[in-house]
Amino acid sequence: MSIQLNHTIVAVHDKHGSASFLAEMLGLPAPVPFGPFVTVKADNDVTLDFLESPDEIRPAHYAFLVSEEEFDDVFERIRARGLRYWADPHHHEPSTINERDGGRGLYFEDPNGHNLEILTRPYGSGH
């Protein structure tokens, strides 16, 4: 058996809104309720299970490996919504795309402040 990530819980204030935001931004299938969660399934069968919390949300980082075409599609949705984006995880390089490892990447935030990243090449795989 190989070890694979199956799911992770994402704490949010509005599980339906946050799950829908992620699915729409990444072009994934519509979220699905599962018990107390609303789940978004990535193409590698990992789910992000959104769970509402009344507490302050501690932002986390979620990175998604995408194709060049998918990058263009997500980037267009980011621009269409007027969302801020950065080339770096600490948000020091606004309105810029990085070109690490010969690919492209950027960071943007979800409605709860989670740091979402899209990248076209895994780190360490480049030229």
N, C-alpha and C. Protein backbone atom coordinates (compact mmCIF):
# COMPACT_ATOMS: atom_id res chain seq x y z
N MET A 1 0.84 -1.18 0.00
CA MET A 1 0.00 0.00 0.00
C MET A 1 0.89 1.24 0.00
N SER A 2 0.56 2.20 -0.83
CA SER A 2 1.27 3.47 -0.82
C SER A 2 0.54 4.44 0.09
N ILE A 3 1.27 5.34 0.69
CA ILE A 3 0.68 6.33 1.60
C ILE A 3 0.24 7.53 0.78
N GLN A 4 -1.01 7.91 0.92
CA GLN A 4 -1.55 9.04 0.18
C GLN A 4 -2.40 9.89 1.12
N LEU A 5 -2.34 11.20 0.93
CA LEU A 5 -3.24 12.08 1.66
C LEU A 5 -4.66 11.83 1.15
N ASN A 6 -5.59 11.65 2.07
CA ASN A 6 -6.97 11.37 1.71
C ASN A 6 -7.86 12.61 1.86
N HIS A 7 -7.72 13.33 2.97
CA HIS A 7 -8.51 14.53 3.19
C HIS A 7 -7.87 15.40 4.26
N THR A 8 -8.29 16.64 4.29
CA THR A 8 -7.88 17.54 5.36
C THR A 8 -9.08 18.42 5.71
N ILE A 9 -9.15 18.84 6.95
CA ILE A 9 -10.26 19.68 7.41
C ILE A 9 -9.83 21.14 7.31
N VAL A 10 -10.71 21.95 6.74
CA VAL A 10 -10.46 23.37 6.58
C VAL A 10 -11.47 24.12 7.44
N ALA A 11 -10.99 24.81 8.47
CA ALA A 11 -11.86 25.58 9.36
C ALA A 11 -12.24 26.89 8.69
N VAL A 12 -13.54 27.19 8.70
CA VAL A 12 -14.07 28.40 8.05
C VAL A 12 -15.27 28.92 8.82
N HIS A 13 -15.71 30.11 8.47
CA HIS A 13 -16.92 30.66 9.09
C HIS A 13 -18.19 30.28 8.32
N ASP A 14 -18.07 30.06 7.01
CA ASP A 14 -19.21 29.70 6.16
C ASP A 14 -18.77 28.55 5.26
N LYS A 15 -19.10 27.32 5.67
CA LYS A 15 -18.60 26.16 4.94
C LYS A 15 -19.13 26.08 3.51
N HIS A 16 -20.38 26.47 3.30
CA HIS A 16 -20.93 26.40 1.95
C HIS A 16 -20.29 27.45 1.05
N GLY A 17 -20.18 28.68 1.54
CA GLY A 17 -19.58 29.76 0.76
C GLY A 17 -18.11 29.51 0.47
N SER A 18 -17.37 29.05 1.48
CA SER A 18 -15.94 28.82 1.31
C SER A 18 -15.67 27.65 0.38
N ALA A 19 -16.42 26.58 0.51
CA ALA A 19 -16.25 25.42 -0.37
C ALA A 19 -16.61 25.80 -1.81
N SER A 20 -17.68 26.55 -1.97
CA SER A 20 -18.07 26.99 -3.32
C SER A 20 -17.02 27.90 -3.93
N PHE A 21 -16.44 28.79 -3.13
CA PHE A 21 -15.38 29.68 -3.62
C PHE A 21 -14.22 28.85 -4.17
N LEU A 22 -13.75 27.89 -3.40
CA LEU A 22 -12.62 27.08 -3.84
C LEU A 22 -12.95 26.30 -5.11
N ALA A 23 -14.09 25.64 -5.11
CA ALA A 23 -14.49 24.85 -6.28
C ALA A 23 -14.60 25.72 -7.53
N GLU A 24 -15.21 26.89 -7.39
CA GLU A 24 -15.36 27.78 -8.54
C GLU A 24 -14.00 28.30 -9.01
N MET A 25 -13.15 28.72 -8.08
CA MET A 25 -11.86 29.28 -8.46
C MET A 25 -10.98 28.24 -9.17
N LEU A 26 -11.02 27.00 -8.70
CA LEU A 26 -10.17 25.96 -9.29
C LEU A 26 -10.85 25.19 -10.42
N GLY A 27 -12.13 25.48 -10.67
CA GLY A 27 -12.83 24.77 -11.73
C GLY A 27 -13.11 23.32 -11.38
N LEU A 28 -13.33 23.06 -10.09
CA LEU A 28 -13.61 21.70 -9.61
C LEU A 28 -15.12 21.46 -9.53
N PRO A 29 -15.55 20.20 -9.41
CA PRO A 29 -16.97 19.91 -9.27
C PRO A 29 -17.57 20.60 -8.04
N ALA A 30 -18.87 20.79 -8.08
CA ALA A 30 -19.57 21.45 -6.97
C ALA A 30 -19.34 20.71 -5.66
N PRO A 31 -19.25 21.45 -4.56
CA PRO A 31 -19.05 20.84 -3.24
C PRO A 31 -20.19 19.89 -2.88
N VAL A 32 -19.86 18.90 -2.03
CA VAL A 32 -20.83 17.89 -1.62
C VAL A 32 -20.90 17.84 -0.09
N PRO A 33 -22.11 17.90 0.48
CA PRO A 33 -22.21 17.75 1.93
C PRO A 33 -21.85 16.33 2.37
N PHE A 34 -21.19 16.22 3.52
CA PHE A 34 -20.85 14.93 4.09
C PHE A 34 -20.80 15.11 5.61
N GLY A 35 -21.83 14.64 6.30
CA GLY A 35 -21.91 14.84 7.74
C GLY A 35 -21.88 16.32 8.05
N PRO A 36 -21.01 16.75 8.98
CA PRO A 36 -20.94 18.17 9.32
C PRO A 36 -20.08 18.99 8.34
N PHE A 37 -19.57 18.34 7.30
CA PHE A 37 -18.65 18.98 6.36
C PHE A 37 -19.33 19.30 5.03
N VAL A 38 -18.68 20.18 4.28
CA VAL A 38 -18.96 20.36 2.87
C VAL A 38 -17.62 20.11 2.19
N THR A 39 -17.58 19.12 1.29
CA THR A 39 -16.31 18.66 0.73
C THR A 39 -16.10 19.11 -0.71
N VAL A 40 -14.84 19.39 -1.00
CA VAL A 40 -14.41 19.69 -2.37
C VAL A 40 -13.37 18.64 -2.72
N LYS A 41 -13.61 17.95 -3.82
CA LYS A 41 -12.73 16.85 -4.22
C LYS A 41 -11.81 17.30 -5.35
N ALA A 42 -10.50 17.17 -5.12
CA ALA A 42 -9.51 17.47 -6.16
C ALA A 42 -9.40 16.27 -7.10
N ASP A 43 -8.74 16.47 -8.22
CA ASP A 43 -8.65 15.42 -9.23
C ASP A 43 -7.85 14.20 -8.78
N ASN A 44 -7.04 14.33 -7.72
CA ASN A 44 -6.28 13.18 -7.22
C ASN A 44 -7.00 12.50 -6.06
N ASP A 45 -8.30 12.74 -5.94
CA ASP A 45 -9.19 12.13 -4.95
C ASP A 45 -8.98 12.61 -3.52
N VAL A 46 -8.16 13.62 -3.30
CA VAL A 46 -8.04 14.24 -1.98
C VAL A 46 -9.21 15.19 -1.81
N THR A 47 -9.83 15.17 -0.63
CA THR A 47 -10.91 16.12 -0.38
C THR A 47 -10.48 17.14 0.66
N LEU A 48 -10.96 18.35 0.48
CA LEU A 48 -10.86 19.40 1.48
C LEU A 48 -12.22 19.47 2.12
N ASP A 49 -12.26 19.17 3.42
CA ASP A 49 -13.53 19.07 4.14
C ASP A 49 -13.74 20.33 4.96
N PHE A 50 -14.63 21.19 4.50
CA PHE A 50 -14.88 22.48 5.14
C PHE A 50 -15.80 22.29 6.33
N LEU A 51 -15.37 22.84 7.46
CA LEU A 51 -16.11 22.72 8.71
C LEU A 51 -16.22 24.10 9.33
N GLU A 52 -17.44 24.48 9.71
CA GLU A 52 -17.65 25.80 10.31
C GLU A 52 -17.12 25.84 11.72
N SER A 53 -16.53 26.99 12.04
CA SER A 53 -15.99 27.23 13.38
C SER A 53 -16.43 28.61 13.84
N PRO A 54 -16.91 28.71 15.08
CA PRO A 54 -17.28 30.04 15.60
C PRO A 54 -16.05 30.82 16.07
N ASP A 55 -14.92 30.14 16.16
CA ASP A 55 -13.70 30.76 16.66
C ASP A 55 -12.99 31.54 15.55
N GLU A 56 -11.98 32.28 15.96
CA GLU A 56 -11.14 32.98 15.00
C GLU A 56 -10.46 31.92 14.12
N ILE A 57 -10.41 32.18 12.83
CA ILE A 57 -9.81 31.23 11.89
C ILE A 57 -8.31 31.50 11.81
N ARG A 58 -7.53 30.47 12.03
CA ARG A 58 -6.08 30.57 11.86
C ARG A 58 -5.79 30.20 10.41
N PRO A 59 -5.34 31.18 9.60
CA PRO A 59 -5.10 30.89 8.19
C PRO A 59 -4.07 29.79 7.99
N ALA A 60 -4.35 28.94 7.01
CA ALA A 60 -3.47 27.85 6.63
C ALA A 60 -3.10 28.02 5.16
N HIS A 61 -2.19 27.20 4.69
CA HIS A 61 -1.73 27.26 3.31
C HIS A 61 -2.15 25.98 2.59
N TYR A 62 -2.74 26.14 1.42
CA TYR A 62 -3.16 25.01 0.59
C TYR A 62 -2.62 25.24 -0.82
N ALA A 63 -1.79 24.33 -1.31
CA ALA A 63 -1.17 24.48 -2.63
C ALA A 63 -1.75 23.45 -3.60
N PHE A 64 -1.99 23.90 -4.81
CA PHE A 64 -2.61 23.04 -5.83
C PHE A 64 -1.74 23.03 -7.08
N LEU A 65 -1.32 21.84 -7.47
CA LEU A 65 -0.56 21.66 -8.70
C LEU A 65 -1.55 21.64 -9.86
N VAL A 66 -1.35 22.52 -10.83
CA VAL A 66 -2.26 22.66 -11.97
C VAL A 66 -1.47 22.63 -13.27
N SER A 67 -2.16 22.35 -14.36
CA SER A 67 -1.52 22.41 -15.68
C SER A 67 -1.37 23.87 -16.09
N GLU A 68 -0.63 24.11 -17.15
CA GLU A 68 -0.47 25.48 -17.66
C GLU A 68 -1.83 26.06 -18.06
N GLU A 69 -2.65 25.25 -18.72
CA GLU A 69 -3.98 25.71 -19.13
C GLU A 69 -4.86 26.01 -17.92
N GLU A 70 -4.82 25.13 -16.92
CA GLU A 70 -5.60 25.37 -15.70
C GLU A 70 -5.12 26.62 -14.97
N PHE A 71 -3.80 26.84 -14.97
CA PHE A 71 -3.26 28.06 -14.37
C PHE A 71 -3.89 29.28 -15.03
N ASP A 72 -3.90 29.30 -16.35
CA ASP A 72 -4.49 30.43 -17.08
C ASP A 72 -5.96 30.60 -16.71
N ASP A 73 -6.69 29.50 -16.60
CA ASP A 73 -8.12 29.58 -16.26
C ASP A 73 -8.33 30.14 -14.85
N VAL A 74 -7.56 29.64 -13.88
CA VAL A 74 -7.70 30.12 -12.50
C VAL A 74 -7.27 31.58 -12.43
N PHE A 75 -6.17 31.92 -13.09
CA PHE A 75 -5.69 33.30 -13.07
C PHE A 75 -6.74 34.24 -13.65
N GLU A 76 -7.42 33.82 -14.70
CA GLU A 76 -8.48 34.65 -15.28
C GLU A 76 -9.62 34.84 -14.28
N ARG A 77 -9.98 33.80 -13.54
CA ARG A 77 -11.04 33.93 -12.54
C ARG A 77 -10.60 34.87 -11.40
N ILE A 78 -9.33 34.80 -11.03
CA ILE A 78 -8.80 35.71 -10.00
C ILE A 78 -8.93 37.15 -10.48
N ARG A 79 -8.51 37.41 -11.69
CA ARG A 79 -8.58 38.77 -12.23
C ARG A 79 -10.03 39.22 -12.41
N ALA A 80 -10.90 38.32 -12.88
CA ALA A 80 -12.30 38.68 -13.10
C ALA A 80 -12.99 39.09 -11.79
N ARG A 81 -12.58 38.48 -10.69
CA ARG A 81 -13.15 38.82 -9.38
C ARG A 81 -12.44 39.99 -8.71
N GLY A 82 -11.38 40.46 -9.33
CA GLY A 82 -10.63 41.56 -8.75
C GLY A 82 -9.89 41.18 -7.48
N LEU A 83 -9.52 39.89 -7.36
CA LEU A 83 -8.82 39.42 -6.17
C LEU A 83 -7.35 39.83 -6.22
N ARG A 84 -6.79 40.10 -5.06
CA ARG A 84 -5.37 40.37 -4.96
C ARG A 84 -4.61 39.05 -5.06
N TYR A 85 -3.40 39.11 -5.63
CA TYR A 85 -2.55 37.92 -5.72
C TYR A 85 -1.10 38.35 -5.58
N TRP A 86 -0.26 37.38 -5.26
CA TRP A 86 1.14 37.63 -4.97
C TRP A 86 2.00 36.52 -5.57
N ALA A 87 3.28 36.82 -5.76
CA ALA A 87 4.23 35.83 -6.26
C ALA A 87 4.84 35.01 -5.14
N ASP A 88 4.62 35.42 -3.89
CA ASP A 88 5.29 34.79 -2.75
C ASP A 88 4.30 34.52 -1.62
N PRO A 89 4.61 33.56 -0.76
CA PRO A 89 3.67 33.19 0.30
C PRO A 89 3.51 34.24 1.40
N HIS A 90 4.45 35.18 1.49
CA HIS A 90 4.37 36.21 2.53
C HIS A 90 3.74 37.50 2.01
N HIS A 91 3.32 37.48 0.76
CA HIS A 91 2.60 38.60 0.13
C HIS A 91 3.44 39.88 0.08
N HIS A 92 4.72 39.72 -0.25
CA HIS A 92 5.61 40.87 -0.42
C HIS A 92 5.71 41.30 -1.88
N GLU A 93 5.26 40.45 -2.80
CA GLU A 93 5.36 40.73 -4.23
C GLU A 93 3.97 40.74 -4.85
N PRO A 94 3.22 41.85 -4.68
CA PRO A 94 1.84 41.91 -5.17
C PRO A 94 1.74 41.98 -6.69
N SER A 95 0.63 41.47 -7.18
CA SER A 95 0.28 41.53 -8.61
C SER A 95 1.38 40.97 -9.50
N THR A 96 2.03 39.91 -9.02
CA THR A 96 3.13 39.29 -9.75
C THR A 96 2.99 37.77 -9.71
N ILE A 97 3.42 37.13 -10.77
CA ILE A 97 3.46 35.66 -10.85
C ILE A 97 4.91 35.23 -10.72
N ASN A 98 5.18 34.18 -9.97
CA ASN A 98 6.56 33.68 -9.88
C ASN A 98 6.81 32.67 -10.99
N GLU A 99 8.08 32.41 -11.24
CA GLU A 99 8.48 31.45 -12.28
C GLU A 99 9.45 30.43 -11.71
N ARG A 100 9.17 29.97 -10.51
CA ARG A 100 10.05 29.00 -9.85
C ARG A 100 10.07 27.67 -10.61
N ASP A 101 11.22 27.07 -10.66
CA ASP A 101 11.42 25.74 -11.25
C ASP A 101 10.95 25.66 -12.70
N GLY A 102 10.97 26.79 -13.40
CA GLY A 102 10.58 26.80 -14.80
C GLY A 102 9.09 26.77 -15.04
N GLY A 103 8.30 26.94 -13.98
CA GLY A 103 6.85 26.97 -14.11
C GLY A 103 6.31 28.32 -13.68
N ARG A 104 5.05 28.35 -13.37
CA ARG A 104 4.41 29.58 -12.89
C ARG A 104 3.68 29.27 -11.59
N GLY A 105 3.61 30.29 -10.73
CA GLY A 105 2.88 30.13 -9.49
C GLY A 105 2.40 31.46 -8.96
N LEU A 106 1.37 31.41 -8.13
CA LEU A 106 0.88 32.61 -7.46
C LEU A 106 0.09 32.20 -6.23
N TYR A 107 -0.14 33.17 -5.37
CA TYR A 107 -0.87 32.99 -4.12
C TYR A 107 -2.04 33.95 -4.09
N PHE A 108 -3.17 33.50 -3.55
CA PHE A 108 -4.32 34.38 -3.34
C PHE A 108 -5.04 33.87 -2.10
N GLU A 109 -5.93 34.68 -1.56
CA GLU A 109 -6.61 34.31 -0.32
C GLU A 109 -8.06 33.94 -0.55
N ASP A 110 -8.53 33.02 0.28
CA ASP A 110 -9.96 32.70 0.28
C ASP A 110 -10.65 33.67 1.25
N PRO A 111 -11.98 33.61 1.36
CA PRO A 111 -12.69 34.56 2.22
C PRO A 111 -12.32 34.50 3.70
N ASN A 112 -11.67 33.43 4.15
CA ASN A 112 -11.27 33.30 5.56
C ASN A 112 -9.80 33.64 5.79
N GLY A 113 -9.10 34.04 4.74
CA GLY A 113 -7.69 34.38 4.86
C GLY A 113 -6.75 33.23 4.62
N HIS A 114 -7.27 32.05 4.25
CA HIS A 114 -6.39 30.93 3.92
C HIS A 114 -5.57 31.30 2.68
N ASN A 115 -4.29 30.95 2.70
CA ASN A 115 -3.37 31.28 1.63
C ASN A 115 -3.42 30.16 0.59
N LEU A 116 -4.03 30.41 -0.54
CA LEU A 116 -4.17 29.42 -1.60
C LEU A 116 -3.08 29.66 -2.63
N GLU A 117 -2.49 28.57 -3.09
CA GLU A 117 -1.42 28.66 -4.07
C GLU A 117 -1.74 27.76 -5.25
N ILE A 118 -1.47 28.27 -6.45
CA ILE A 118 -1.50 27.43 -7.64
C ILE A 118 -0.10 27.46 -8.24
N LEU A 119 0.38 26.30 -8.67
CA LEU A 119 1.70 26.21 -9.28
C LEU A 119 1.68 25.16 -10.37
N THR A 120 2.49 25.38 -11.40
CA THR A 120 2.49 24.47 -12.54
C THR A 120 3.61 23.43 -12.50
N ARG A 121 4.56 23.60 -11.58
CA ARG A 121 5.64 22.62 -11.40
C ARG A 121 5.89 22.45 -9.93
N PRO A 122 6.07 21.22 -9.46
CA PRO A 122 6.39 21.01 -8.05
C PRO A 122 7.74 21.64 -7.72
N TYR A 123 7.88 22.14 -6.50
CA TYR A 123 9.15 22.74 -6.09
C TYR A 123 10.26 21.70 -6.15
N GLY A 124 11.40 22.13 -6.63
CA GLY A 124 12.55 21.24 -6.75
C GLY A 124 12.60 20.46 -8.04
N SER A 125 11.61 20.65 -8.91
CA SER A 125 11.56 19.87 -10.15
C SER A 125 12.13 20.61 -11.34
N GLY A 126 12.50 21.86 -11.13
CA GLY A 126 12.84 22.74 -12.26
C GLY A 126 14.23 22.64 -12.80
N HIS A 127 14.45 23.58 -13.63
CA HIS A 127 15.68 23.67 -14.43
C HIS A 127 16.78 24.32 -13.63
